[in-house]
PDB file of N, CA and C in Angstrom:
ATOM      1  N   UNK A   1     102.843  99.609  85.904  1.00  0.00           N
ATOM      2  CA  UNK A   1     101.946  99.159  86.956  1.00  0.00           C
ATOM      3  C   UNK A   1     102.433  99.720  88.290  1.00  0.00           C
ATOM      4  N   UNK A   2     101.529  99.980  89.152  1.00  0.00           N
ATOM      5  CA  UNK A   2     101.838 100.576  90.438  1.00  0.00           C
ATOM      6  C   UNK A   2     102.572  99.570  91.342  1.00  0.00           C
ATOM      7  N   UNK A   3     103.504 100.073  92.128  1.00  0.00           N
ATOM      8  CA  UNK A   3     104.261  99.197  93.021  1.00  0.00           C
ATOM      9  C   UNK A   3     103.358  98.498  94.025  1.00  0.00           C
ATOM     10  N   UNK A   4     102.322  99.187  94.497  1.00  0.00           N
ATOM     11  CA  UNK A   4     101.391  98.574  95.441  1.00  0.00           C
ATOM     12  C   UNK A   4     100.681  97.377  94.816  1.00  0.00           C
ATOM     13  N   UNK A   5     100.299  97.503  93.546  1.00  0.00           N
ATOM     14  CA  UNK A   5      99.650  96.390  92.866  1.00  0.00           C
ATOM     15  C   UNK A   5     100.599  95.207  92.711  1.00  0.00           C
ATOM     16  N   UNK A   6     101.839  95.478  92.379  1.00  0.00           N
ATOM     17  CA  UNK A   6     102.815  94.398  92.197  1.00  0.00           C
ATOM     18  C   UNK A   6     103.036  93.660  93.506  1.00  0.00           C
ATOM     19  N   UNK A   7     103.251  94.410  94.588  1.00  0.00           N
ATOM     20  CA  UNK A   7     103.422  93.771  95.891  1.00  0.00           C
ATOM     21  C   UNK A   7     102.171  93.000  96.286  1.00  0.00           C
ATOM     22  N   UNK A   8     101.006  93.587  96.049  1.00  0.00           N
ATOM     23  CA  UNK A   8      99.751  92.938  96.404  1.00  0.00           C
ATOM     24  C   UNK A   8      99.535  91.633  95.656  1.00  0.00           C
ATOM     25  N   UNK A   9      99.784  91.649  94.349  1.00  0.00           N
ATOM     26  CA  UNK A   9      99.629  90.432  93.556  1.00  0.00           C
ATOM     27  C   UNK A   9     100.649  89.370  93.942  1.00  0.00           C
ATOM     28  N   UNK A  10     101.862  89.789  94.235  1.00  0.00           N
ATOM     29  CA  UNK A  10     102.903  88.851  94.641  1.00  0.00           C
ATOM     30  C   UNK A  10     102.565  88.199  95.983  1.00  0.00           C
ATOM     31  N   UNK A  11     102.117  88.997  96.930  1.00  0.00           N
ATOM     32  CA  UNK A  11     101.744  88.470  98.240  1.00  0.00           C
ATOM     33  C   UNK A  11     100.531  87.551  98.113  1.00  0.00           C
ATOM     34  N   UNK A  12      99.563  87.927  97.274  1.00  0.00           N
ATOM     35  CA  UNK A  12      98.378  87.085  97.078  1.00  0.00           C
ATOM     36  C   UNK A  12      98.752  85.742  96.452  1.00  0.00           C
ATOM     37  N   UNK A  13      99.640  85.758  95.469  1.00  0.00           N
ATOM     38  CA  UNK A  13     100.058  84.510  94.815  1.00  0.00           C
ATOM     39  C   UNK A  13     100.785  83.587  95.793  1.00  0.00           C
ATOM     40  N   UNK A  14     101.668  84.153  96.598  1.00  0.00           N
ATOM     41  CA  UNK A  14     102.407  83.339  97.570  1.00  0.00           C
ATOM     42  C   UNK A  14     101.461  82.832  98.655  1.00  0.00           C
ATOM     43  N   UNK A  15     100.483  83.634  99.044  1.00  0.00           N
ATOM     44  CA  UNK A  15      99.508  83.212 100.052  1.00  0.00           C
ATOM     45  C   UNK A  15      98.661  82.050  99.545  1.00  0.00           C
ATOM     46  N   UNK A  16      98.223  82.143  98.305  1.00  0.00           N
ATOM     47  CA  UNK A  16      97.442  81.056  97.721  1.00  0.00           C
ATOM     48  C   UNK A  16      98.283  79.792  97.614  1.00  0.00           C
ATOM     49  N   UNK A  17      99.547  79.938  97.259  1.00  0.00           N
ATOM     50  CA  UNK A  17     100.441  78.775  97.194  1.00  0.00           C
ATOM     51  C   UNK A  17     100.594  78.129  98.559  1.00  0.00           C
ATOM     52  N   UNK A  18     100.758  78.937  99.596  1.00  0.00           N
ATOM     53  CA  UNK A  18     100.875  78.387 100.945  1.00  0.00           C
ATOM     54  C   UNK A  18      99.597  77.663 101.347  1.00  0.00           C
ATOM     55  N   UNK A  19      98.460  78.240 101.021  1.00  0.00           N
ATOM     56  CA  UNK A  19      97.178  77.624 101.349  1.00  0.00           C
ATOM     57  C   UNK A  19      96.998  76.301 100.615  1.00  0.00           C
ATOM     58  N   UNK A  20      97.402  76.243  99.361  1.00  0.00           N
ATOM     59  CA  UNK A  20      97.305  75.002  98.584  1.00  0.00           C
ATOM     60  C   UNK A  20      98.160  73.916  99.216  1.00  0.00           C
ATOM     61  N   UNK A  21      99.369  74.257  99.631  1.00  0.00           N
ATOM     62  CA  UNK A  21     100.239  73.254 100.232  1.00  0.00           C
ATOM     63  C   UNK A  21      99.743  72.822 101.613  1.00  0.00           C
ATOM     64  N   UNK A  22      99.076  73.717 102.337  1.00  0.00           N
ATOM     65  CA  UNK A  22      98.476  73.327 103.613  1.00  0.00           C
ATOM     66  C   UNK A  22      97.359  72.325 103.368  1.00  0.00           C
ATOM     67  N   UNK A  23      96.532  72.581 102.374  1.00  0.00           N
ATOM     68  CA  UNK A  23      95.427  71.669 102.058  1.00  0.00           C
ATOM     69  C   UNK A  23      95.953  70.324 101.581  1.00  0.00           C
ATOM     70  N   UNK A  24      97.023  70.343 100.783  1.00  0.00           N
ATOM     71  CA  UNK A  24      97.613  69.092 100.297  1.00  0.00           C
ATOM     72  C   UNK A  24      98.322  68.319 101.405  1.00  0.00           C
ATOM     73  N   UNK A  25      98.656  68.996 102.492  1.00  0.00           N
ATOM     74  CA  UNK A  25      99.330  68.330 103.599  1.00  0.00           C
ATOM     75  C   UNK A  25     100.842  68.412 103.543  1.00  0.00           C
ATOM     76  N   UNK A  26     101.368  69.202 102.637  1.00  0.00           N
ATOM     77  CA  UNK A  26     102.814  69.376 102.527  1.00  0.00           C
ATOM     78  C   UNK A  26     103.202  70.601 103.361  1.00  0.00           C
ATOM     79  N   UNK A  27     103.375  70.364 104.654  1.00  0.00           N
ATOM     80  CA  UNK A  27     103.605  71.452 105.595  1.00  0.00           C
ATOM     81  C   UNK A  27     104.969  72.121 105.367  1.00  0.00           C
ATOM     82  N   UNK A  28     105.946  71.352 104.926  1.00  0.00           N
ATOM     83  CA  UNK A  28     107.274  71.941 104.695  1.00  0.00           C
ATOM     84  C   UNK A  28     107.228  73.022 103.627  1.00  0.00           C
ATOM     85  N   UNK A  29     106.539  72.741 102.524  1.00  0.00           N
ATOM     86  CA  UNK A  29     106.420  73.750 101.469  1.00  0.00           C
ATOM     87  C   UNK A  29     105.546  74.916 101.924  1.00  0.00           C
ATOM     88  N   UNK A  30     104.540  74.634 102.739  1.00  0.00           N
ATOM     89  CA  UNK A  30     103.685  75.702 103.263  1.00  0.00           C
ATOM     90  C   UNK A  30     104.498  76.655 104.135  1.00  0.00           C
ATOM     91  N   UNK A  31     105.383  76.105 104.957  1.00  0.00           N
ATOM     92  CA  UNK A  31     106.242  76.945 105.801  1.00  0.00           C
ATOM     93  C   UNK A  31     107.179  77.783 104.935  1.00  0.00           C
ATOM     94  N   UNK A  32     107.683  77.197 103.863  1.00  0.00           N
ATOM     95  CA  UNK A  32     108.547  77.940 102.944  1.00  0.00           C
ATOM     96  C   UNK A  32     107.814  79.150 102.375  1.00  0.00           C
ATOM     97  N   UNK A  33     106.595  78.932 101.905  1.00  0.00           N
ATOM     98  CA  UNK A  33     105.835  80.041 101.324  1.00  0.00           C
ATOM     99  C   UNK A  33     105.370  81.030 102.387  1.00  0.00           C
ATOM    100  N   UNK A  34     105.113  80.573 103.606  1.00  0.00           N
ATOM    101  CA  UNK A  34     104.715  81.511 104.661  1.00  0.00           C
ATOM    102  C   UNK A  34     105.873  82.423 105.053  1.00  0.00           C
ATOM    103  N   UNK A  35     107.091  81.893 105.059  1.00  0.00           N
ATOM    104  CA  UNK A  35     108.235  82.772 105.331  1.00  0.00           C
ATOM    105  C   UNK A  35     108.403  83.791 104.203  1.00  0.00           C
ATOM    106  N   UNK A  36     108.089  83.381 102.970  1.00  0.00           N
ATOM    107  CA  UNK A  36     108.142  84.328 101.852  1.00  0.00           C
ATOM    108  C   UNK A  36     107.085  85.417 102.027  1.00  0.00           C
ATOM    109  N   UNK A  37     105.887  85.032 102.514  1.00  0.00           N
ATOM    110  CA  UNK A  37     104.836  86.022 102.767  1.00  0.00           C
ATOM    111  C   UNK A  37     105.321  87.052 103.779  1.00  0.00           C
ATOM    112  N   UNK A  38     105.914  86.578 104.870  1.00  0.00           N
ATOM    113  CA  UNK A  38     106.382  87.498 105.905  1.00  0.00           C
ATOM    114  C   UNK A  38     107.486  88.411 105.387  1.00  0.00           C
ATOM    115  N   UNK A  39     108.397  87.861 104.590  1.00  0.00           N
ATOM    116  CA  UNK A  39     109.478  88.687 104.033  1.00  0.00           C
ATOM    117  C   UNK A  39     108.919  89.763 103.108  1.00  0.00           C
ATOM    118  N   UNK A  40     107.987  89.384 102.250  1.00  0.00           N
ATOM    119  CA  UNK A  40     107.407  90.355 101.314  1.00  0.00           C
ATOM    120  C   UNK A  40     106.579  91.416 102.021  1.00  0.00           C
ATOM    121  N   UNK A  41     105.739  90.985 102.962  1.00  0.00           N
ATOM    122  CA  UNK A  41     104.865  91.958 103.626  1.00  0.00           C
ATOM    123  C   UNK A  41     105.663  92.921 104.509  1.00  0.00           C
ATOM    124  N   UNK A  42     106.684  92.417 105.185  1.00  0.00           N
ATOM    125  CA  UNK A  42     107.512  93.305 106.003  1.00  0.00           C
ATOM    126  C   UNK A  42     108.340  94.248 105.130  1.00  0.00           C
ATOM    127  N   UNK A  43     108.787  93.770 103.991  1.00  0.00           N
ATOM    128  CA  UNK A  43     109.507  94.634 103.061  1.00  0.00           C
ATOM    129  C   UNK A  43     108.621  95.749 102.535  1.00  0.00           C
ATOM    130  N   UNK A  44     107.381  95.412 102.205  1.00  0.00           N
ATOM    131  CA  UNK A  44     106.437  96.425 101.741  1.00  0.00           C
ATOM    132  C   UNK A  44     106.143  97.434 102.844  1.00  0.00           C
ATOM    133  N   UNK A  45     105.970  96.951 104.067  1.00  0.00           N
ATOM    134  CA  UNK A  45     105.723  97.868 105.190  1.00  0.00           C
ATOM    135  C   UNK A  45     106.911  98.786 105.425  1.00  0.00           C
ATOM    136  N   UNK A  46     108.136  98.257 105.274  1.00  0.00           N
ATOM    137  CA  UNK A  46     109.334  99.087 105.451  1.00  0.00           C
ATOM    138  C   UNK A  46     109.346 100.229 104.438  1.00  0.00           C
ATOM    139  N   UNK A  47     109.000  99.918 103.209  1.00  0.00           N
ATOM    140  CA  UNK A  47     108.980 100.956 102.175  1.00  0.00           C
ATOM    141  C   UNK A  47     107.909 101.997 102.481  1.00  0.00           C
ATOM    142  N   UNK A  48     106.716 101.527 102.865  1.00  0.00           N
ATOM    143  CA  UNK A  48     105.636 102.489 103.112  1.00  0.00           C
ATOM    144  C   UNK A  48     105.903 103.325 104.368  1.00  0.00           C
ATOM    145  N   UNK A  49     106.511 102.726 105.399  1.00  0.00           N
ATOM    146  CA  UNK A  49     106.849 103.499 106.594  1.00  0.00           C
ATOM    147  C   UNK A  49     107.880 104.571 106.266  1.00  0.00           C
ATOM    148  N   UNK A  50     108.867 104.221 105.446  1.00  0.00           N
ATOM    149  CA  UNK A  50     109.899 105.190 105.087  1.00  0.00           C
ATOM    150  C   UNK A  50     109.305 106.358 104.288  1.00  0.00           C
ATOM    151  N   UNK A  51     108.356 106.047 103.399  1.00  0.00           N
ATOM    152  CA  UNK A  51     107.709 107.102 102.625  1.00  0.00           C
ATOM    153  C   UNK A  51     106.891 108.036 103.509  1.00  0.00           C
ATOM    154  N   UNK A  52     106.332 107.494 104.588  1.00  0.00           N
ATOM    155  CA  UNK A  52     105.509 108.299 105.496  1.00  0.00           C
ATOM    156  C   UNK A  52     106.353 109.066 106.519  1.00  0.00           C
ATOM    157  N   UNK A  53     107.650 108.794 106.553  1.00  0.00           N
ATOM    158  CA  UNK A  53     108.528 109.518 107.455  1.00  0.00           C
ATOM    159  C   UNK A  53     108.825 108.808 108.763  1.00  0.00           C
ATOM    160  N   UNK A  54     108.372 107.575 108.902  1.00  0.00           N
ATOM    161  CA  UNK A  54     108.644 106.798 110.113  1.00  0.00           C
ATOM    162  C   UNK A  54     109.939 106.008 109.920  1.00  0.00           C
ATOM    163  N   UNK A  55     111.048 106.686 110.128  1.00  0.00           N
ATOM    164  CA  UNK A  55     112.353 106.094 109.824  1.00  0.00           C
ATOM    165  C   UNK A  55     112.682 104.951 110.780  1.00  0.00           C
ATOM    166  N   UNK A  56     112.399 105.134 112.058  1.00  0.00           N
ATOM    167  CA  UNK A  56     112.716 104.109 113.045  1.00  0.00           C
ATOM    168  C   UNK A  56     111.916 102.828 112.779  1.00  0.00           C
ATOM    169  N   UNK A  57     110.632 102.981 112.494  1.00  0.00           N
ATOM    170  CA  UNK A  57     109.782 101.823 112.210  1.00  0.00           C
ATOM    171  C   UNK A  57     110.179 101.163 110.896  1.00  0.00           C
ATOM    172  N   UNK A  58     110.595 101.972 109.919  1.00  0.00           N
ATOM    173  CA  UNK A  58     111.033 101.437 108.631  1.00  0.00           C
ATOM    174  C   UNK A  58     112.292 100.597 108.798  1.00  0.00           C
ATOM    175  N   UNK A  59     113.196 101.052 109.665  1.00  0.00           N
ATOM    176  CA  UNK A  59     114.416 100.291 109.916  1.00  0.00           C
ATOM    177  C   UNK A  59     114.097  98.948 110.569  1.00  0.00           C
ATOM    178  N   UNK A  60     113.143  98.952 111.504  1.00  0.00           N
ATOM    179  CA  UNK A  60     112.731  97.721 112.186  1.00  0.00           C
ATOM    180  C   UNK A  60     112.104  96.744 111.180  1.00  0.00           C
ATOM    181  N   UNK A  61     111.219  97.235 110.338  1.00  0.00           N
ATOM    182  CA  UNK A  61     110.558  96.380 109.345  1.00  0.00           C
ATOM    183  C   UNK A  61     111.557  95.860 108.318  1.00  0.00           C
ATOM    184  N   UNK A  62     112.534  96.674 107.968  1.00  0.00           N
ATOM    185  CA  UNK A  62     113.564  96.222 107.033  1.00  0.00           C
ATOM    186  C   UNK A  62     114.370  95.082 107.649  1.00  0.00           C
ATOM    187  N   UNK A  63     114.694  95.210 108.925  1.00  0.00           N
ATOM    188  CA  UNK A  63     115.411  94.138 109.619  1.00  0.00           C
ATOM    189  C   UNK A  63     114.597  92.860 109.691  1.00  0.00           C
ATOM    190  N   UNK A  64     113.293  92.998 109.958  1.00  0.00           N
ATOM    191  CA  UNK A  64     112.432  91.817 110.005  1.00  0.00           C
ATOM    192  C   UNK A  64     112.308  91.179 108.626  1.00  0.00           C
ATOM    193  N   UNK A  65     112.246  92.001 107.604  1.00  0.00           N
ATOM    194  CA  UNK A  65     112.168  91.480 106.242  1.00  0.00           C
ATOM    195  C   UNK A  65     113.440  90.716 105.877  1.00  0.00           C
ATOM    196  N   UNK A  66     114.575  91.253 106.249  1.00  0.00           N
ATOM    197  CA  UNK A  66     115.845  90.568 105.974  1.00  0.00           C
ATOM    198  C   UNK A  66     115.917  89.261 106.753  1.00  0.00           C
ATOM    199  N   UNK A  67     115.468  89.280 108.002  1.00  0.00           N
ATOM    200  CA  UNK A  67     115.458  88.055 108.804  1.00  0.00           C
ATOM    201  C   UNK A  67     114.617  86.970 108.141  1.00  0.00           C
ATOM    202  N   UNK A  68     113.411  87.314 107.693  1.00  0.00           N
ATOM    203  CA  UNK A  68     112.555  86.319 107.066  1.00  0.00           C
ATOM    204  C   UNK A  68     113.077  85.895 105.698  1.00  0.00           C
ATOM    205  N   UNK A  69     113.781  86.772 104.990  1.00  0.00           N
ATOM    206  CA  UNK A  69     114.400  86.381 103.725  1.00  0.00           C
ATOM    207  C   UNK A  69     115.510  85.358 103.971  1.00  0.00           C
ATOM    208  N   UNK A  70     116.297  85.583 105.008  1.00  0.00           N
ATOM    209  CA  UNK A  70     117.341  84.609 105.359  1.00  0.00           C
ATOM    210  C   UNK A  70     116.710  83.287 105.777  1.00  0.00           C
ATOM    211  N   UNK A  71     115.649  83.357 106.586  1.00  0.00           N
ATOM    212  CA  UNK A  71     114.958  82.137 107.008  1.00  0.00           C
ATOM    213  C   UNK A  71     114.335  81.409 105.817  1.00  0.00           C
ATOM    214  N   UNK A  72     113.873  82.158 104.811  1.00  0.00           N
ATOM    215  CA  UNK A  72     113.351  81.536 103.595  1.00  0.00           C
ATOM    216  C   UNK A  72     114.416  80.658 102.956  1.00  0.00           C
ATOM    217  N   UNK A  73     115.625  81.191 102.838  1.00  0.00           N
ATOM    218  CA  UNK A  73     116.688  80.419 102.205  1.00  0.00           C
ATOM    219  C   UNK A  73     117.158  79.266 103.092  1.00  0.00           C
ATOM    220  N   UNK A  74     117.079  79.424 104.403  1.00  0.00           N
ATOM    221  CA  UNK A  74     117.407  78.313 105.314  1.00  0.00           C
ATOM    222  C   UNK A  74     116.413  77.179 105.112  1.00  0.00           C
ATOM    223  N   UNK A  75     115.134  77.507 105.075  1.00  0.00           N
ATOM    224  CA  UNK A  75     114.108  76.477 104.888  1.00  0.00           C
ATOM    225  C   UNK A  75     114.253  75.860 103.511  1.00  0.00           C
ATOM    226  N   UNK A  76     114.521  76.658 102.501  1.00  0.00           N
ATOM    227  CA  UNK A  76     114.726  76.119 101.150  1.00  0.00           C
ATOM    228  C   UNK A  76     115.907  75.160 101.120  1.00  0.00           C
ATOM    229  N   UNK A  77     116.999  75.545 101.780  1.00  0.00           N
ATOM    230  CA  UNK A  77     118.173  74.673 101.855  1.00  0.00           C
ATOM    231  C   UNK A  77     117.827  73.361 102.551  1.00  0.00           C
ATOM    232  N   UNK A  78     117.065  73.432 103.639  1.00  0.00           N
ATOM    233  CA  UNK A  78     116.684  72.220 104.364  1.00  0.00           C
ATOM    234  C   UNK A  78     115.754  71.329 103.547  1.00  0.00           C
ATOM    235  N   UNK A  79     114.933  71.924 102.714  1.00  0.00           N
ATOM    236  CA  UNK A  79     114.042  71.131 101.868  1.00  0.00           C
ATOM    237  C   UNK A  79     114.803  70.449 100.731  1.00  0.00           C
ATOM    238  N   UNK A  80     115.815  71.125 100.230  1.00  0.00           N
ATOM    239  CA  UNK A  80     116.583  70.543  99.113  1.00  0.00           C
ATOM    240  C   UNK A  80     117.496  69.422  99.601  1.00  0.00           C
ATOM    241  N   UNK A  81     118.138  69.629 100.734  1.00  0.00           N
ATOM    242  CA  UNK A  81     119.094  68.624 101.217  1.00  0.00           C
ATOM    243  C   UNK A  81     118.521  67.916 102.355  1.00  0.00           C
TER     244      UNK A  81
END
């Protein structure tokens, strides 16, 4: 399967999960999934920018993706404890 399809399906699944938790009123879980959306989408953009030759922009997107991945685990930790 194509990498674009995998990223697209993963982002769509996490987006639907965030939307479901917003509708249910569980904002904490919605924030968790929204940080996952940002991490995934920025990671995908970093890969596509690097393939297109935009090295500086790819580095920026990679940093943003790492930041949101760390924030994902911070929010997960706060939800568990």
